[in-house]
N, C-alpha and C. Protein backbone atom coordinates (compact mmCIF):
# COMPACT_ATOMS: atom_id res chain seq x y z
N UNK A 1 55.48 -1.07 0.58
CA UNK A 1 55.61 -0.83 -0.84
C UNK A 1 56.78 0.03 -1.21
N UNK A 2 57.02 -0.82 -2.35
CA UNK A 2 58.88 -0.53 -2.73
C UNK A 2 58.45 0.51 -3.40
N UNK A 3 59.60 1.64 -3.29
CA UNK A 3 59.61 2.93 -4.59
C UNK A 3 60.31 2.50 -5.31
N UNK A 4 60.01 2.99 -6.57
CA UNK A 4 60.64 2.68 -7.53
C UNK A 4 61.71 3.81 -8.24
N UNK A 5 62.96 3.80 -8.17
CA UNK A 5 63.94 4.49 -8.45
C UNK A 5 63.95 4.71 -9.85
N UNK A 6 63.56 5.99 -10.53
CA UNK A 6 63.69 6.22 -12.13
C UNK A 6 65.23 6.78 -12.26
N UNK A 7 65.66 6.53 -13.21
CA UNK A 7 66.89 6.96 -13.41
C UNK A 7 67.13 7.82 -14.75
N UNK A 8 67.12 9.04 -14.74
CA UNK A 8 67.20 9.90 -15.51
C UNK A 8 68.58 10.11 -16.23
N UNK A 9 68.91 9.93 -17.68
CA UNK A 9 70.16 9.77 -18.06
C UNK A 9 70.10 10.88 -19.14
N UNK A 10 71.11 11.61 -18.72
CA UNK A 10 71.63 12.95 -19.49
C UNK A 10 72.26 12.53 -20.51
N UNK A 11 71.74 12.90 -22.14
CA UNK A 11 72.33 12.36 -23.06
C UNK A 11 73.79 13.18 -23.35
N UNK A 12 74.82 12.93 -23.52
CA UNK A 12 75.78 13.88 -23.69
C UNK A 12 76.53 13.48 -25.07
N UNK A 13 75.84 13.34 -26.41
CA UNK A 13 76.37 13.48 -27.57
C UNK A 13 76.49 14.57 -28.11
N UNK A 14 77.36 14.12 -28.93
CA UNK A 14 77.69 15.32 -29.84
C UNK A 14 78.90 16.38 -29.36
N UNK A 15 79.03 17.34 -30.09
CA UNK A 15 80.19 18.72 -29.54
C UNK A 15 79.07 19.84 -29.27
N UNK A 16 79.44 20.54 -28.37
CA UNK A 16 78.96 21.68 -27.77
C UNK A 16 79.21 22.81 -28.76
N UNK A 17 78.75 23.42 -29.85
CA UNK A 17 78.78 24.36 -30.59
C UNK A 17 78.98 25.61 -30.19
N UNK A 18 78.32 26.08 -29.32
CA UNK A 18 77.83 27.84 -28.97
C UNK A 18 79.02 28.69 -29.11
N UNK A 19 80.35 28.14 -28.27
CA UNK A 19 81.38 28.49 -28.00
C UNK A 19 82.16 28.70 -29.63
N UNK A 20 82.12 27.71 -30.10
CA UNK A 20 82.58 27.72 -31.40
C UNK A 20 82.13 28.34 -33.01
N UNK A 21 80.91 29.05 -32.26
CA UNK A 21 80.05 29.64 -33.34
C UNK A 21 80.29 30.95 -32.75
N UNK A 22 80.60 31.24 -31.93
CA UNK A 22 81.12 32.76 -31.39
C UNK A 22 82.02 33.02 -31.88
N UNK A 23 82.99 32.30 -31.67
CA UNK A 23 84.51 32.74 -32.03
C UNK A 23 84.40 32.74 -33.26
N UNK A 24 84.06 31.97 -34.22
CA UNK A 24 84.14 32.28 -35.82
C UNK A 24 83.23 33.62 -36.25
N UNK A 25 82.17 33.70 -35.46
CA UNK A 25 81.62 34.97 -35.97
C UNK A 25 82.57 35.82 -35.51
N UNK A 26 82.87 36.27 -34.06
CA UNK A 26 83.82 37.10 -34.17
C UNK A 26 85.05 37.46 -34.94
N UNK A 27 85.46 36.55 -35.62
CA UNK A 27 86.62 36.52 -36.57
C UNK A 27 86.15 36.69 -37.41
N UNK A 28 85.06 36.59 -38.39
CA UNK A 28 84.20 37.20 -39.53
C UNK A 28 84.09 38.55 -39.18
N UNK A 29 83.42 39.08 -38.42
CA UNK A 29 83.46 40.45 -38.00
C UNK A 29 84.56 41.23 -38.12
N UNK A 30 85.92 40.68 -37.48
CA UNK A 30 86.95 41.34 -37.23
C UNK A 30 87.61 41.25 -39.05
N UNK A 31 87.52 40.39 -39.78
CA UNK A 31 87.89 40.57 -40.83
C UNK A 31 87.30 41.61 -41.73
N UNK A 32 85.93 41.34 -41.45
CA UNK A 32 85.13 42.46 -42.27
C UNK A 32 85.66 44.15 -41.66
N UNK A 33 85.53 44.32 -40.99
CA UNK A 33 86.32 45.34 -39.95
C UNK A 33 87.27 45.95 -40.82
N UNK A 34 88.36 44.84 -40.57
CA UNK A 34 90.11 45.15 -40.92
C UNK A 34 89.89 45.46 -42.31
N UNK A 35 89.30 44.58 -43.46
CA UNK A 35 89.35 44.12 -44.92
C UNK A 35 89.59 45.80 -45.45
N UNK A 36 88.95 46.61 -45.53
CA UNK A 36 89.06 47.92 -46.05
C UNK A 36 90.41 48.79 -45.92
N UNK A 37 90.80 48.22 -44.49
CA UNK A 37 92.38 48.99 -44.44
C UNK A 37 93.33 48.67 -45.28
N UNK A 38 93.26 47.06 -45.67
CA UNK A 38 94.59 46.61 -46.57
C UNK A 38 94.37 47.27 -47.76
N UNK A 39 93.34 47.59 -48.49
CA UNK A 39 93.13 47.77 -49.74
C UNK A 39 93.37 49.92 -49.69
N UNK A 40 93.04 50.37 -48.73
CA UNK A 40 93.15 51.85 -48.64
C UNK A 40 94.49 52.20 -48.45
N UNK A 41 95.26 51.50 -47.61
CA UNK A 41 96.63 51.95 -47.37
C UNK A 41 97.84 51.28 -48.43
N UNK A 42 97.55 51.01 -49.16
CA UNK A 42 98.22 50.06 -50.03
C UNK A 42 99.13 50.42 -51.32
N UNK A 43 100.26 50.30 -51.48
CA UNK A 43 100.57 51.02 -52.84
C UNK A 43 100.68 50.12 -53.94
N UNK A 44 99.81 50.31 -54.94
CA UNK A 44 99.31 49.54 -55.80
C UNK A 44 100.35 49.96 -57.18
N UNK A 45 101.02 48.76 -57.72
CA UNK A 45 101.84 48.93 -58.74
C UNK A 45 101.64 47.81 -60.02
N UNK A 46 101.30 48.77 -61.04
CA UNK A 46 100.80 48.14 -62.25
C UNK A 46 101.97 47.81 -62.98
N UNK A 47 102.04 46.91 -64.61
CA UNK A 47 102.49 46.87 -65.50
C UNK A 47 102.71 48.12 -66.45
N UNK A 48 103.61 48.87 -66.73
CA UNK A 48 103.84 49.83 -67.37
C UNK A 48 103.35 49.81 -68.90
N UNK A 49 102.63 50.55 -69.39
CA UNK A 49 102.01 50.20 -71.05
C UNK A 49 102.97 51.36 -71.89
N UNK A 50 104.07 51.97 -70.94
CA UNK A 50 104.82 52.78 -71.80
C UNK A 50 105.75 52.06 -72.80
N UNK A 51 105.94 51.00 -72.45
CA UNK A 51 106.80 49.99 -73.72
C UNK A 51 105.88 49.99 -74.71
N UNK A 52 104.45 50.10 -74.85
CA UNK A 52 103.68 49.74 -75.73
C UNK A 52 103.56 50.72 -76.63
N UNK A 53 103.77 51.85 -76.39
CA UNK A 53 103.85 53.02 -76.94
C UNK A 53 104.98 52.62 -78.31
N UNK A 54 104.04 53.24 -79.60
CA UNK A 54 104.81 52.82 -80.56
C UNK A 54 106.13 54.56 -80.72
N UNK A 55 107.36 54.10 -81.46
CA UNK A 55 108.38 55.36 -81.68
C UNK A 55 107.48 56.13 -82.16
N UNK A 56 108.36 57.49 -81.57
CA UNK A 56 107.88 58.65 -82.38
C UNK A 56 106.72 59.33 -82.01
N UNK A 57 105.78 58.33 -81.20
CA UNK A 57 104.10 59.14 -80.42
C UNK A 57 104.63 59.68 -79.38
N UNK A 58 103.54 60.69 -79.02
CA UNK A 58 103.67 61.39 -77.67
C UNK A 58 103.04 60.71 -76.62
N UNK A 59 103.91 60.71 -75.58
CA UNK A 59 102.92 59.71 -74.68
C UNK A 59 103.20 60.92 -73.50
N UNK A 60 101.82 60.38 -72.65
CA UNK A 60 101.78 61.54 -71.03
C UNK A 60 102.65 61.23 -70.12
N UNK A 61 103.81 60.41 -70.14
CA UNK A 61 104.91 60.52 -69.14
C UNK A 61 105.64 61.70 -68.66
N UNK A 62 105.18 62.22 -67.49
CA UNK A 62 106.26 63.52 -67.03
C UNK A 62 106.87 63.40 -66.22
N UNK A 63 107.17 62.20 -65.36
CA UNK A 63 107.67 61.48 -64.40
C UNK A 63 108.40 60.34 -64.53
N UNK A 64 109.74 60.52 -64.55
CA UNK A 64 110.45 59.18 -64.69
C UNK A 64 111.72 59.35 -63.38
N UNK A 65 111.74 58.49 -62.70
CA UNK A 65 113.10 58.33 -61.69
C UNK A 65 113.39 57.34 -61.95
N UNK A 66 114.99 57.49 -61.73
CA UNK A 66 116.07 56.58 -61.91
C UNK A 66 116.81 56.48 -60.41
N UNK A 67 117.13 55.68 -59.72
CA UNK A 67 117.87 55.56 -58.73
C UNK A 67 119.14 54.85 -58.86
N UNK A 68 120.23 55.57 -58.83
CA UNK A 68 121.58 54.96 -58.97
C UNK A 68 122.10 54.38 -57.77
N UNK A 69 123.38 53.27 -58.26
CA UNK A 69 123.74 52.64 -57.10
C UNK A 69 124.59 53.26 -56.31
N UNK A 70 125.30 54.55 -56.65
CA UNK A 70 125.51 55.46 -55.72
C UNK A 70 124.94 56.66 -55.05
N UNK A 71 123.58 56.23 -55.09
CA UNK A 71 122.48 56.87 -54.29
C UNK A 71 122.19 58.17 -55.12
N UNK A 72 122.33 58.50 -56.09
CA UNK A 72 121.98 59.55 -56.78
C UNK A 72 120.46 59.34 -57.54
N UNK A 73 119.51 60.36 -57.52
CA UNK A 73 118.71 60.19 -58.09
C UNK A 73 118.39 61.02 -59.08
N UNK A 74 117.82 60.77 -60.48
CA UNK A 74 117.81 61.20 -62.00
C UNK A 74 116.30 61.00 -61.99
N UNK A 75 115.94 62.78 -62.12
CA UNK A 75 114.41 62.56 -62.42
C UNK A 75 114.37 63.26 -63.93
N UNK A 76 113.74 62.31 -64.71
CA UNK A 76 113.77 63.20 -66.52
C UNK A 76 114.90 63.20 -66.76
N UNK A 77 116.01 62.85 -66.73
CA UNK A 77 117.04 62.70 -67.18
C UNK A 77 117.70 63.65 -66.86
N UNK A 78 117.62 64.24 -65.64
CA UNK A 78 118.51 65.68 -64.74
C UNK A 78 118.94 64.89 -63.51
N UNK A 79 119.66 65.03 -62.97
CA UNK A 79 120.32 64.34 -61.73
C UNK A 79 119.49 65.77 -60.44
N UNK A 80 119.11 65.09 -59.45
CA UNK A 80 118.82 65.65 -58.28
C UNK A 80 119.59 65.51 -57.03
N UNK A 81 120.05 66.66 -56.22
CA UNK A 81 120.53 66.42 -55.28
C UNK A 81 120.23 65.28 -54.15
N UNK A 82 118.80 65.97 -53.65
CA UNK A 82 118.32 65.36 -52.17
C UNK A 82 116.82 65.13 -52.77
N UNK A 83 116.22 63.98 -51.85
CA UNK A 83 114.87 63.83 -51.48
C UNK A 83 114.25 64.79 -51.48
N UNK A 84 114.23 66.02 -50.77
CA UNK A 84 113.79 66.87 -50.09
C UNK A 84 113.49 67.79 -51.76
N UNK A 85 114.09 68.31 -52.58
CA UNK A 85 113.89 68.82 -53.90
C UNK A 85 112.84 67.61 -54.91
N UNK A 86 113.17 66.36 -54.56
CA UNK A 86 112.34 65.31 -55.36
C UNK A 86 110.71 65.94 -54.44
N UNK A 87 110.58 66.36 -53.21
CA UNK A 87 109.28 66.64 -53.03
C UNK A 87 108.38 67.77 -53.58
N UNK A 88 109.42 68.64 -53.78
CA UNK A 88 108.74 70.07 -54.44
C UNK A 88 108.65 70.03 -55.58
N UNK A 89 109.52 68.85 -56.65
CA UNK A 89 109.35 69.24 -58.11
C UNK A 89 108.10 68.02 -58.23
N UNK A 90 108.15 66.70 -57.61
CA UNK A 90 107.06 65.86 -58.11
C UNK A 90 105.79 66.55 -58.17
N UNK A 91 105.18 67.36 -57.14
CA UNK A 91 103.73 67.46 -57.60
C UNK A 91 103.35 68.82 -58.29
N UNK A 92 104.52 69.50 -59.00
CA UNK A 92 104.49 70.29 -60.12
C UNK A 92 104.39 69.63 -61.34
N UNK A 93 105.32 68.54 -61.53
CA UNK A 93 105.06 67.94 -62.57
C UNK A 93 103.83 66.97 -62.60
N UNK A 94 103.54 66.08 -61.99
CA UNK A 94 102.31 65.66 -61.73
C UNK A 94 101.26 66.41 -61.77
N UNK A 95 101.02 67.62 -61.77
CA UNK A 95 100.08 68.43 -61.96
C UNK A 95 99.70 68.88 -63.69
N UNK A 96 100.83 68.66 -64.20
CA UNK A 96 100.89 68.62 -65.42
C UNK A 96 100.74 67.41 -66.17
N UNK A 97 100.64 66.66 -65.41
CA UNK A 97 100.33 65.08 -66.41
C UNK A 97 98.57 64.72 -66.55
N UNK A 98 98.25 64.33 -67.16
CA UNK A 98 96.78 63.75 -67.19
C UNK A 98 96.69 62.36 -66.41
N UNK A 99 97.52 61.75 -66.76
CA UNK A 99 97.25 60.30 -66.14
C UNK A 99 98.04 60.24 -64.87
N UNK A 100 98.80 60.86 -64.75
CA UNK A 100 99.80 60.95 -63.41
C UNK A 100 100.23 59.74 -62.92
N UNK A 101 101.22 59.54 -63.89
CA UNK A 101 101.76 58.16 -63.97
C UNK A 101 103.33 58.63 -63.54
N UNK A 102 103.80 57.86 -62.89
CA UNK A 102 105.10 57.82 -61.89
C UNK A 102 105.95 56.59 -62.47
N UNK A 103 107.11 56.60 -63.21
CA UNK A 103 107.94 55.38 -63.62
C UNK A 103 109.24 55.42 -62.65
N UNK A 104 109.19 54.26 -61.90
CA UNK A 104 110.12 54.13 -61.04
C UNK A 104 111.06 53.06 -61.52
N UNK A 105 112.66 53.41 -61.99
CA UNK A 105 113.47 52.40 -62.23
C UNK A 105 114.99 52.42 -61.40
N UNK A 106 115.31 51.37 -60.92
CA UNK A 106 116.83 51.10 -60.41
C UNK A 106 117.61 50.38 -61.01
N UNK A 107 118.88 50.70 -60.43
CA UNK A 107 120.02 50.14 -60.74
C UNK A 107 120.05 48.33 -59.75
N UNK A 108 121.18 48.20 -60.39
CA UNK A 108 120.79 46.30 -59.54
C UNK A 108 121.30 46.50 -58.03
N UNK A 109 122.16 47.58 -57.46
CA UNK A 109 122.67 47.39 -56.42
C UNK A 109 121.43 48.58 -55.02
N UNK A 110 120.58 48.99 -55.70
CA UNK A 110 119.96 49.99 -55.25
C UNK A 110 119.00 49.13 -53.68
N UNK A 111 118.87 49.66 -52.42
CA UNK A 111 118.33 48.74 -51.65
C UNK A 111 116.42 49.10 -52.01
N UNK A 112 115.83 48.13 -51.64
CA UNK A 112 114.31 47.91 -52.16
C UNK A 112 113.56 49.42 -51.04
N UNK A 113 114.44 49.38 -49.85
CA UNK A 113 113.92 50.74 -48.81
C UNK A 113 113.68 51.99 -49.81
N UNK A 114 114.95 51.98 -50.13
CA UNK A 114 114.94 53.28 -51.16
C UNK A 114 113.78 53.20 -52.13
N UNK A 115 113.55 52.39 -52.78
CA UNK A 115 112.79 52.66 -54.29
C UNK A 115 111.28 52.41 -53.20
N UNK A 116 110.79 51.80 -52.14
CA UNK A 116 109.81 51.78 -51.91
C UNK A 116 109.57 53.27 -51.21
N UNK A 117 110.60 54.01 -50.51
CA UNK A 117 110.37 55.51 -50.52
C UNK A 117 110.04 56.53 -51.40
N UNK A 118 110.66 56.01 -52.55
CA UNK A 118 110.41 57.09 -53.56
C UNK A 118 108.63 56.70 -54.28
N UNK A 119 108.46 55.26 -54.29
CA UNK A 119 107.38 55.11 -54.49
C UNK A 119 106.12 55.69 -53.27
N UNK A 120 106.37 55.56 -52.23
CA UNK A 120 105.54 56.34 -50.73
C UNK A 120 105.58 57.84 -51.21
N UNK A 121 106.77 58.35 -51.82
CA UNK A 121 106.70 59.54 -51.92
C UNK A 121 106.13 60.23 -53.25
N UNK A 122 105.96 59.56 -53.85
CA UNK A 122 105.05 59.52 -55.27
C UNK A 122 103.75 59.63 -55.31
N UNK A 123 103.24 58.84 -54.19
CA UNK A 123 101.88 58.26 -54.13
C UNK A 123 101.34 59.57 -53.27
N UNK A 124 102.57 59.99 -52.19
CA UNK A 124 101.80 61.21 -51.28
C UNK A 124 101.92 62.73 -52.39
N UNK A 125 102.51 62.79 -53.20
CA UNK A 125 102.50 63.54 -54.16
C UNK A 125 101.63 63.91 -54.99
N UNK A 126 100.64 62.65 -54.88
CA UNK A 126 99.53 62.64 -55.84
C UNK A 126 99.67 61.56 -57.21
N UNK A 127 100.43 61.03 -57.47
CA UNK A 127 100.32 59.87 -58.30
C UNK A 127 99.36 58.73 -58.52
N UNK A 128 98.53 58.82 -59.66
CA UNK A 128 97.56 57.96 -59.44
C UNK A 128 98.17 56.39 -60.20
N UNK A 129 99.17 56.51 -60.90
CA UNK A 129 99.89 55.35 -61.43
C UNK A 129 101.03 54.92 -61.12
N UNK A 130 101.20 53.99 -60.28
CA UNK A 130 102.90 53.76 -60.08
C UNK A 130 103.22 52.86 -61.17
N UNK A 131 104.49 52.99 -61.52
CA UNK A 131 105.24 51.45 -62.54
C UNK A 131 106.46 51.50 -62.36
N UNK A 132 106.73 50.15 -62.14
CA UNK A 132 108.30 49.45 -61.62
C UNK A 132 108.88 48.91 -63.18
N UNK A 133 110.10 49.74 -63.35
CA UNK A 133 110.97 49.05 -64.68
C UNK A 133 112.31 48.65 -64.17
N UNK A 134 112.64 47.65 -64.90
CA UNK A 134 114.15 46.90 -64.68
C UNK A 134 114.74 47.63 -65.59
N UNK A 135 116.15 47.62 -65.22
CA UNK A 135 117.34 48.44 -65.89
C UNK A 135 117.71 47.12 -67.08
N UNK A 136 117.96 47.25 -68.12
CA UNK A 136 118.58 46.36 -69.01
C UNK A 136 120.17 46.33 -68.77
N UNK A 137 120.40 44.96 -68.64
CA UNK A 137 122.02 44.85 -68.57
C UNK A 137 122.78 45.29 -69.83
N UNK A 138 124.07 45.80 -69.42
CA UNK A 138 124.49 46.69 -70.72
C UNK A 138 125.69 45.55 -70.95
């Protein structure tokens, strides 16, 4: 008698998705874990509502910082010599403010690095709202 050979064919149809699903799941978990760090460490800048205030009305703005082209810092229309003195004055001014708003403006040739340092210093001093203003050309 003759033995019949039975051929079992293994079907290799389609794509093996187990490794792709593992990678996708790892990426999703990574994004979920990392997402709060992006929102907690950022400096959020809002459009100032100071310009909407009517002339003659008292506003709660207590901190107005201007960075000049020659490297000077002007705080509430008074010239400050160094950033160290700004670190002592900012918390005192923000303690008197209700909205804790800091308005930072700069002249044309001021580096962005200096502006970001001032924004960071204001945030560390307790500022709740940071506003950027453009200087109008004269």
